[in-house]
Amino acid sequence: MRMHYVAIDRSGKQCKGEVNATSRADGLRQLEAQGLTALRLEQTTRTVVGRNRRLRAEELNLALYELATLLAAGVSLAEAVEAQERSAQHPRIAAALRSIGEGLRQGQPFPQVLEAAGLPLPRYAYQLVAAGEMTGNLATALRDCVSQMEYERRTRDEIRNALIYPAILVLSGIGAVAMMFVFVVPKFANLLEHADRLPWLAWAVLSSGVWCKENAVLLLVMLVIASTLGVSLAKSPRVRSRVLSGLLHVPLLGDWLLQAEIAQWSKVLGTLLGNRVALVDALRLSAEGVRIPTQRELLERVTQDVRGGAALSLALENRQAITATGGNLVRVGEKSGRLADMLDSLAELYEEQGRSRMRKVLALVEPLAILLIGGIFGVIITGVVLAITSANDIVL
């Protein structure tokens, strides 16, 4: 760790600086070797730009990958953690590495101090690290863990990016409709004087516009409240799970989400098995990462069947957790002793099918959104035109 000092040199002149030391005693020894008498020696407080910003998945994955690279190069675990702590840019990662280093110096096992560090890691990461430490392949286990976490991050980003344009399109349409109701439709409010002789559609459009203009502040407050409530609900795991369960019943979109979940489950399971984690433990850990409640419960039942002595392929087929093609791949993997490789192939298969369905979903969402917004505009304009023509008939 970095320690700041204020000291006096041999000539009696005061000087300041920093040293890398594992402890205060080590820092004092280094200063003494340089001929300096320490007046003050304390750990450096990092000043990091944006220290309160959220820890991004890319930063966490990069830190773990660098640690795995140092270990693969032959650097000891304690030295690798110390080097990482000095170069960490995010304060949360730096604090976690500092805690890990202190735990290692006290003789605690790496999986234990890693879990105690409080980093937002998935549950399977600790199992992979424990298996890697047990087999002496900690660097490989960390790299596999980073690969899996990066795969999950790419999947989330892919889904999020795919929905950005449709979301912007829908929100823009809602804003345009609101502008029409608040600023355009009320211009024809005087036509409501003959409301009893106006067509129903014209009366409804004009009345809605007048009400929106008179209650613009109320509508704005309601919008802010609804947005705040929506953001808070979106952060709730229970709400997200219910929304995902509901989306499963939407044509195309439900199949896409389900295949993305199965691909992620297969990838996690294959990675765990490739690092010699027991099958039952690997099934339990991989099922914990599934976000859709119904699918997670299904895979948990598969785990119970395997624990009871059933073959994995048979349990998956009986529970209808994967397709027939996926069941065949798992069966071949069990017979050939290459189950981890077959699960990786299954993940790639589902991932490709998911991308294909994603393209179909996007191909439908965009025109449907345009048609919906265009239809609403058409209703508004039709109502206004009917009001104008009806007014002309009234005058005549």
Foldseek 3Di string as FASTA:
>chain_A
DKKKFWWAAPVRDIDIDIDDDPDPVRVCVVCVVVRIGTPDIGHDDDDAVPQVDDDDLVLVLVLLLQLLVCVVVPDDNLVSLSVSLVPRRHPLSNQLSNQQNVCVVVVHDNLVSNVVSPDPAAPVLSVLCVLCVVVVNNSVSSVLSSVLSVVVVVLVVVVVVLCPVLVVLLVVLVVVLLCCLQPPLCVLLVLCVVVVQFPPLLNVLNVSSVVCNVCVVVVVVVVVVVVVVVVVLVPDLVSVQVVLQVQLPPPLSNLLLLLLLLLSLLSQLLSSVVSVDDNLVSLLSSLVPRSHVVLSVLSVVLSVVVVVPDQSLVSCVVSVSDDPVLSVLCVVCVVVVNNSVSSNVSSVVSVVVSVVSSVVVSVPSVVVSVVVSVVSVVSSVVSNVSSVVSVVVVVD
